[in-house]
Protein backbone atom coordinates (compact mmCIF):
# COMPACT_ATOMS: atom_id res chain seq x y z
CA MET A 1 111.25 106.92 94.72
CA ARG A 2 109.28 109.04 97.19
CA SER A 3 110.99 107.23 100.07
CA LEU A 4 114.36 107.89 98.46
CA PHE A 5 113.51 111.58 98.09
CA TRP A 6 112.47 112.06 101.69
CA ILE A 7 115.30 110.01 103.18
CA ALA A 8 117.94 111.90 101.18
CA ALA A 9 116.30 115.25 101.97
CA ALA A 10 116.05 114.45 105.68
CA LEU A 11 119.68 113.32 105.96
CA LEU A 12 120.93 116.38 104.09
CA ALA A 13 118.84 118.69 106.23
CA TRP A 14 120.09 116.98 109.40
CA THR A 15 123.81 117.11 108.68
CA GLN A 16 123.84 120.55 107.03
CA ALA A 17 121.24 122.50 108.99
CA LEU A 18 119.67 120.70 111.96
CA TYR A 19 122.69 119.12 113.64
CA ALA A 20 123.94 122.48 114.95
CA PRO A 21 120.70 123.51 116.74
CA ALA A 22 120.35 119.95 118.02
CA LEU A 23 123.77 120.26 119.67
CA ALA A 24 122.82 123.61 121.19
CA LEU A 25 119.56 122.15 122.52
CA ALA A 26 121.32 119.09 123.94
CA ARG A 27 123.86 121.29 125.66
CA ARG A 28 121.12 123.41 127.19
CA LEU A 29 119.15 120.37 128.38
CA LEU A 30 122.15 118.53 129.77
CA GLY A 31 123.68 121.58 131.43
CA SER A 32 127.13 120.70 130.14
CA PRO A 33 130.43 122.14 131.42
CA PRO A 34 132.56 124.70 129.51
CA PRO A 35 134.18 123.45 126.27
CA ALA A 36 137.55 122.58 127.78
CA PRO A 37 137.53 122.23 131.57
CA ALA A 38 140.90 123.46 132.80
CA GLY A 39 142.62 124.23 136.05
CA PRO A 40 145.80 126.12 136.92
CA LEU A 41 149.02 124.69 135.52
CA PRO A 42 151.35 123.04 138.02
CA GLU A 43 154.66 124.65 138.95
CA PRO A 44 156.86 123.91 137.21
CA PRO A 45 154.62 123.32 134.17
CA PRO A 46 154.98 120.09 132.22
CA ARG A 47 157.81 119.73 129.74
CA VAL A 48 156.44 120.22 126.22
CA SER A 49 157.90 119.09 122.92
CA LEU A 50 156.57 121.29 120.11
CA ILE A 51 156.90 119.39 116.84
CA VAL A 52 156.83 120.91 113.38
CA ALA A 53 156.91 118.57 110.39
CA ALA A 54 158.35 120.48 107.43
CA TYR A 55 158.69 119.77 103.73
CA ARG A 56 160.37 122.47 101.65
CA GLU A 57 159.51 125.20 104.18
CA GLU A 58 162.68 127.31 103.88
CA ALA A 59 160.57 130.44 103.32
CA VAL A 60 158.72 130.23 106.64
CA ILE A 61 160.57 127.90 109.01
CA ALA A 62 162.74 130.58 110.67
CA ALA A 63 159.65 132.64 111.52
CA LYS A 64 157.92 129.52 112.86
CA VAL A 65 160.83 128.62 115.16
CA ALA A 66 161.07 132.22 116.38
CA ASN A 67 157.32 132.19 117.07
CA ALA A 68 157.66 128.96 119.07
CA LEU A 69 160.55 130.33 121.14
CA ALA A 70 158.53 133.48 121.93
CA LEU A 71 155.67 131.55 123.55
CA ASP A 72 154.80 132.29 127.16
CA TRP A 73 156.40 129.11 128.47
CA PRO A 74 159.60 128.54 130.48
CA ARG A 75 162.38 128.02 127.96
CA GLU A 76 163.89 125.14 129.92
CA ARG A 77 160.50 123.35 129.77
CA LEU A 78 160.07 123.74 126.01
CA GLU A 79 161.69 121.61 123.33
CA VAL A 80 161.26 122.78 119.72
CA ILE A 81 161.69 119.97 117.19
CA VAL A 82 161.67 120.43 113.42
CA ALA A 83 161.30 117.17 111.50
CA VAL A 84 162.43 117.84 107.93
CA ASP A 85 160.75 115.41 105.55
CA GLY A 86 163.34 115.44 102.76
CA GLY A 87 162.96 118.22 100.24
CA GLY A 88 166.59 119.13 99.52
CA ASP A 89 166.23 122.84 100.34
CA ALA A 90 167.52 125.00 103.21
CA THR A 91 164.75 124.17 105.70
CA ALA A 92 167.03 122.28 108.10
CA GLU A 93 169.80 124.88 108.07
CA ARG A 94 167.38 127.75 108.66
CA ALA A 95 165.61 125.90 111.47
CA ARG A 96 168.94 125.35 113.26
CA ALA A 97 170.00 128.95 112.73
CA ALA A 98 166.67 130.14 114.19
CA GLY A 99 167.30 128.20 117.41
CA ALA A 100 165.37 124.91 117.12
CA ASP A 101 166.49 122.47 119.83
CA LEU A 102 166.47 119.47 117.52
CA VAL A 103 166.35 119.28 113.74
CA LEU A 104 165.79 115.84 112.21
CA GLU A 105 166.78 115.42 108.57
CA LEU A 106 164.71 112.50 107.36
CA PRO A 107 164.23 110.73 104.04
CA ARG A 108 160.97 111.64 102.32
CA GLY A 109 158.25 109.60 103.99
CA GLY A 110 155.35 111.97 104.51
CA LYS A 111 154.15 114.18 107.34
CA ILE A 112 152.96 111.38 109.62
CA ARG A 113 156.26 109.50 109.52
CA ALA A 114 158.14 112.75 110.17
CA GLN A 115 155.93 113.36 113.21
CA ASP A 116 156.45 109.78 114.40
CA ALA A 117 160.23 110.21 114.21
CA ALA A 118 160.02 113.47 116.14
CA VAL A 119 157.86 111.87 118.85
CA ARG A 120 160.38 109.06 119.29
CA ALA A 121 163.13 111.67 119.76
CA ALA A 122 161.07 113.99 121.98
CA SER A 123 161.48 114.31 125.74
CA GLY A 124 158.24 116.13 126.59
CA GLU A 125 155.37 114.93 128.75
CA LEU A 126 153.04 116.74 126.37
CA LEU A 127 153.48 116.56 122.61
CA ALA A 128 152.31 119.67 120.76
CA PHE A 129 152.10 119.88 116.99
CA SER A 130 151.90 122.72 114.51
CA ASP A 131 152.24 123.49 110.82
CA ALA A 132 155.26 125.43 109.55
CA ASN A 133 153.08 128.33 108.38
CA ALA A 134 150.95 128.57 111.54
CA LEU A 135 151.81 131.30 114.04
CA TRP A 136 150.69 130.88 117.65
CA GLU A 137 149.66 133.70 119.96
CA PRO A 138 152.01 134.08 122.97
CA GLY A 139 149.57 132.48 125.41
CA ALA A 140 148.47 129.67 123.09
CA LEU A 141 150.62 126.94 124.61
CA ARG A 142 149.46 127.77 128.15
CA ALA A 143 145.83 127.62 127.03
CA LEU A 144 146.40 124.34 125.21
CA ALA A 145 148.31 122.75 128.10
CA ALA A 146 145.65 123.86 130.61
CA ALA A 147 143.19 121.42 129.05
CA PHE A 148 145.38 118.56 130.27
CA THR A 149 144.94 119.51 133.92
CA ASP A 150 141.81 117.38 133.54
CA PRO A 151 143.19 113.81 133.75
CA ALA A 152 140.41 112.56 131.46
CA VAL A 153 141.72 114.65 128.54
CA GLY A 154 144.09 112.94 126.12
CA TYR A 155 143.91 115.33 123.16
CA ALA A 156 143.27 119.06 122.78
CA CYS A 157 143.08 121.21 119.67
CA GLY A 158 143.18 124.98 119.57
CA ARG A 159 141.51 127.63 117.46
CA VAL A 160 143.10 128.44 114.11
CA GLU A 161 141.99 131.61 112.35
CA PHE A 162 142.56 132.07 108.65
CA THR A 163 144.02 135.26 107.23
CA ASN A 164 144.15 136.55 103.65
CA GLU A 165 140.39 136.72 103.19
CA SER A 166 140.64 139.18 100.29
CA GLY A 167 140.37 136.40 97.68
CA THR A 168 137.29 134.46 96.61
CA ASN A 169 137.62 131.59 99.08
CA GLN A 170 134.75 131.37 101.59
CA GLU A 171 136.56 128.99 103.95
CA GLY A 172 136.61 131.61 106.69
CA LEU A 173 132.80 131.64 106.80
CA TYR A 174 132.61 127.86 106.93
CA TRP A 175 135.43 127.61 109.48
CA ARG A 176 133.70 129.89 111.98
CA TYR A 177 130.67 127.59 111.81
CA GLU A 178 132.90 124.52 112.16
CA LEU A 179 134.59 125.95 115.26
CA TRP A 180 131.20 126.61 116.83
CA LEU A 181 130.24 122.96 116.23
CA ARG A 182 133.56 121.87 117.71
CA ALA A 183 132.91 123.86 120.89
CA GLN A 184 129.49 122.24 121.35
CA GLU A 185 130.83 118.73 120.72
CA SER A 186 133.69 119.31 123.16
CA ALA A 187 131.31 120.47 125.86
CA LEU A 188 128.95 117.54 125.41
CA ALA A 189 131.44 114.71 124.83
CA SER A 190 134.53 115.09 122.60
CA VAL A 191 135.44 116.69 119.30
CA THR A 192 135.10 114.57 116.16
CA GLY A 193 138.03 116.24 114.36
CA GLY A 194 140.95 118.56 114.94
CA ASN A 195 143.30 120.73 112.89
CA GLY A 196 146.99 120.57 112.09
CA ALA A 197 147.84 124.14 113.08
CA ILE A 198 147.58 123.75 116.85
CA TYR A 199 146.94 120.59 118.87
CA ALA A 200 148.54 118.46 121.57
CA VAL A 201 148.35 114.96 123.05
CA ARG A 202 149.59 113.29 126.18
CA ARG A 203 152.68 111.31 125.34
CA GLU A 204 151.06 108.02 126.39
CA CYS A 205 148.06 108.76 124.14
CA TYR A 206 150.05 109.25 120.94
CA VAL A 207 149.20 106.65 118.29
CA GLU A 208 151.28 105.85 115.23
CA VAL A 209 148.85 105.55 112.32
CA ASP A 210 149.14 104.60 108.68
CA PRO A 211 151.31 107.26 106.96
CA ILE A 212 148.49 108.22 104.58
CA MET A 213 146.14 108.97 107.50
CA GLY A 214 146.45 112.42 109.04
CA HIS A 215 146.17 113.25 112.74
CA ASP A 216 143.31 115.76 112.28
CA LEU A 217 140.73 113.04 111.79
CA SER A 218 142.41 109.91 113.16
CA LEU A 219 143.64 110.99 116.61
CA PRO A 220 140.45 112.35 118.28
CA PHE A 221 138.26 109.28 117.76
CA ARG A 222 141.08 106.84 118.58
CA ILE A 223 141.75 108.65 121.85
CA VAL A 224 138.03 108.54 122.69
CA LYS A 225 137.98 104.80 122.00
CA ALA A 226 140.93 104.45 124.37
CA GLY A 227 138.85 105.97 127.17
CA ARG A 228 140.03 109.62 127.18
CA ARG A 229 138.43 112.84 125.99
CA ALA A 230 139.39 114.94 122.97
CA VAL A 231 138.57 118.59 123.65
CA PHE A 232 138.58 122.02 122.05
CA ALA A 233 140.63 124.75 123.76
CA PRO A 234 139.29 127.98 122.18
CA ASP A 235 141.78 130.26 123.95
CA ALA A 236 144.71 128.46 122.33
CA ARG A 237 144.86 130.58 119.18
CA ALA A 238 146.90 130.35 116.01
CA SER A 239 146.66 131.90 112.56
CA GLU A 240 147.69 130.82 109.10
CA LYS A 241 147.18 131.93 105.54
CA MET A 242 144.11 130.69 103.73
CA VAL A 243 144.12 129.39 100.18
CA PRO A 244 143.11 132.54 98.27
CA THR A 245 140.65 131.06 95.76
CA ILE A 246 137.68 128.71 95.90
CA GLU A 247 139.30 126.61 93.18
CA GLY A 248 142.42 126.31 95.33
CA GLU A 249 140.26 125.27 98.28
CA TRP A 250 138.63 122.61 96.10
CA ALA A 251 142.08 121.17 95.33
CA ARG A 252 143.12 121.33 99.02
CA LYS A 253 140.00 119.55 100.25
CA ARG A 254 140.25 116.98 97.47
CA ARG A 255 143.77 116.15 98.65
CA MET A 256 142.62 116.10 102.30
CA MET A 257 139.80 113.68 101.55
CA ALA A 258 142.14 111.36 99.66
CA HIS A 259 143.77 111.01 103.10
CA GLY A 260 140.45 111.11 104.97
CA TRP A 261 138.56 108.33 103.23
CA PRO A 262 141.07 105.61 104.25
CA ILE A 263 140.45 106.64 107.87
CA VAL A 264 136.69 106.29 107.36
CA VAL A 265 136.76 102.99 105.47
CA ARG A 266 139.59 101.05 107.08
CA GLY A 267 141.05 103.30 109.78
CA GLY A 268 138.40 102.66 112.43
CA LEU A 269 136.19 105.76 112.18
CA LEU A 270 133.31 103.74 110.76
CA ASP A 271 133.60 101.06 113.47
CA PRO A 272 131.24 102.00 116.34
CA ARG A 273 132.96 99.77 118.89
CA GLY A 274 134.35 101.85 121.73
CA TYR A 275 132.22 104.93 121.05
CA PRO A 276 129.96 106.24 123.84
CA PRO A 277 126.41 106.59 122.42
CA LEU A 278 126.39 110.39 122.20
CA TYR A 279 129.81 110.48 120.56
CA ALA A 280 128.71 107.81 118.07
CA ALA A 281 125.79 110.05 117.08
CA MET A 282 128.21 112.96 116.62
CA ILE A 283 130.52 110.89 114.41
CA ALA A 284 127.55 109.81 112.28
CA SER A 285 126.12 113.33 112.02
CA HIS A 286 129.24 115.47 111.64
CA ARG A 287 131.57 113.08 109.82
CA LEU A 288 129.88 110.17 108.07
CA LEU A 289 126.81 112.01 106.80
CA ARG A 290 128.88 115.11 105.94
CA TYR A 291 131.26 113.01 103.87
CA GLY A 292 128.28 111.29 102.22
CA THR A 293 126.76 114.62 101.16
CA PRO A 294 127.69 114.26 97.44
CA VAL A 295 125.81 110.95 97.25
CA LEU A 296 122.82 112.39 99.09
CA HIS A 297 122.68 115.34 96.66
CA VAL A 298 122.79 113.02 93.65
CA LEU A 299 120.03 110.83 95.08
CA LEU A 300 117.89 113.85 95.92
CA ALA A 301 118.34 115.31 92.43
CA ALA A 302 117.48 112.00 90.74
CA ALA A 303 114.38 111.53 92.88
CA SER A 304 113.29 115.14 92.35
CA LEU A 305 113.50 114.79 88.58
CA ALA A 306 111.72 111.43 88.58
CA LEU A 307 108.87 112.86 90.68
CA LEU A 308 108.77 116.25 88.95
CA ARG A 309 105.13 115.87 87.86
CA ARG A 310 103.98 114.25 91.12
CA GLY A 311 103.73 117.32 93.29
CA ARG A 312 104.85 120.88 93.93
CA VAL A 313 107.40 119.90 96.59
CA TYR A 314 109.39 117.88 94.05
CA ALA A 315 109.34 120.71 91.53
CA LEU A 316 110.51 123.16 94.19
CA SER A 317 113.31 120.79 95.17
CA ALA A 318 114.49 120.49 91.57
CA ALA A 319 114.31 124.26 91.14
CA ALA A 320 116.30 124.88 94.35
CA GLN A 321 119.04 122.49 93.26
CA ALA A 322 119.18 124.05 89.80
CA ALA A 323 119.44 127.50 91.40
CA LEU A 324 122.31 126.32 93.59
CA LEU A 325 124.22 125.04 90.56
CA ALA A 326 123.48 128.21 88.61
CA GLY A 327 124.69 130.33 91.51
CA ALA A 328 127.88 128.25 91.73
CA ALA A 329 128.50 128.74 88.02
CA ALA A 330 127.92 132.49 88.37
CA GLY A 331 130.37 132.57 91.26
CA GLY A 332 133.14 131.82 88.80
CA ARG A 333 132.55 135.20 87.13
CA VAL A 334 130.78 137.47 89.64
CA ARG A 335 132.40 138.22 93.02
CA ALA A 336 129.14 138.60 94.93
CA ARG A 337 128.93 136.83 98.31
CA PRO A 338 125.79 134.70 97.57
CA PHE A 339 127.32 133.37 94.34
CA LEU A 340 130.72 132.79 95.96
CA VAL A 341 129.12 130.88 98.85
CA ALA A 342 127.17 128.74 96.37
CA ARG A 343 130.35 128.03 94.41
CA TYR A 344 132.26 127.21 97.59
CA TYR A 345 129.54 124.81 98.73
CA VAL A 346 129.24 122.98 95.40
CA LEU A 347 132.98 122.64 94.81
CA THR A 348 133.88 121.62 98.35
CA THR A 349 131.02 119.11 98.38
CA ALA A 350 132.26 117.71 95.07
CA SER A 351 135.78 117.50 96.54
CA LEU A 352 134.55 114.88 98.99
CA ALA A 353 133.63 112.61 96.11
CA ALA A 354 136.75 113.51 94.13
CA GLY A 355 138.95 112.56 97.10
CA LEU A 356 137.24 109.18 97.32
CA TYR A 357 137.75 108.66 93.59
CA ASP A 358 141.44 109.56 93.86
CA TRP A 359 141.99 107.12 96.71
CA LEU A 360 140.13 104.25 95.05
CA ARG A 361 141.58 104.84 91.59
CA HIS A 362 145.16 105.87 92.33
CA GLY A 363 145.77 105.30 96.04
CA THR A 364 147.09 108.03 98.33
CA GLU A 365 150.72 109.07 98.69
CA ALA A 366 152.06 109.76 102.16
CA GLY A 367 153.83 112.93 101.02
CA TRP A 368 152.23 116.34 100.71
CA GLU A 369 152.71 119.71 99.05
CA ALA A 370 151.86 123.07 100.59
CA PRO A 371 148.67 124.54 99.04
CA GLU A 372 149.36 127.44 96.70
CA GLY A 373 149.17 130.86 98.31
CA THR A 374 149.50 129.68 101.95
CA ARG A 375 153.21 130.45 102.43
């Protein structure tokens, strides 16, 4: 039981607290290059197909197309594609009226299959992807495309910033930390995950995956296994609305992990073959141990209670875990930052386990619904 306590405590401490300074130390010792080495774009710049998969997005799609057409990129070198994944609303009509180059009206098959169809119809050398509610800064596409001037790069993700931070959700705090980790990973090797708001791949690097497996987690590691790099381009900036409440974030992450666990278990993330050693350590630290956090917390709590009378350290551990749960419970009633952070941590950690339960018990549908409050 003592061994169980110390192993669980060490793994939790590593993935939640020590991994970040270890990355910073490794970067200092190795003297790594900037996060996304980039050179000047060629003239003319590459042709880019910007793909937006949309399901019932009539409220925001016109603004998204207008935002895409306003990017600092030659119009004749930019193809805007909206792939409408069923829905039966006015998304397709509004996308055409806003000036999209190609609007695909597809039967409902999920985001991934809509993206696959758009890629097959696209003419670009680079394939860029965005969400319907994500707005890019004017220079975002240039910053994203610049990463591909390095021939070793096959995937690049930009920096999404969340707005609407007036609610209880603490995702903004977590996301700033996550982006810092992403910058360190990119500088040392490759990123272990991306985001759906702003990313791009070389056409020859695009991989069609199982429709229940999203690109955010599945593309970076697959591209690394294929011998390319997956990098972070921090100057490629986008913004989108954040889920306003912690409870809404719990539901969003639960849905995300119902799509994420299949990638871990049978999608190749868990298979170390093809990973360079440093990248394998990053996958284990940032992804596998992070996703295993609910189990580690349960094991630590059980060991702490079993050893409660065996030493002060076990009593302090049990008290700290009880205080965390009490703070999370208080966060449901008191809008004070420490309680809200505790509630965010407990609920989003629990969502990892809930997503696994959903996938194992009910399976995962390929379709998706926009989280409440993000449109």
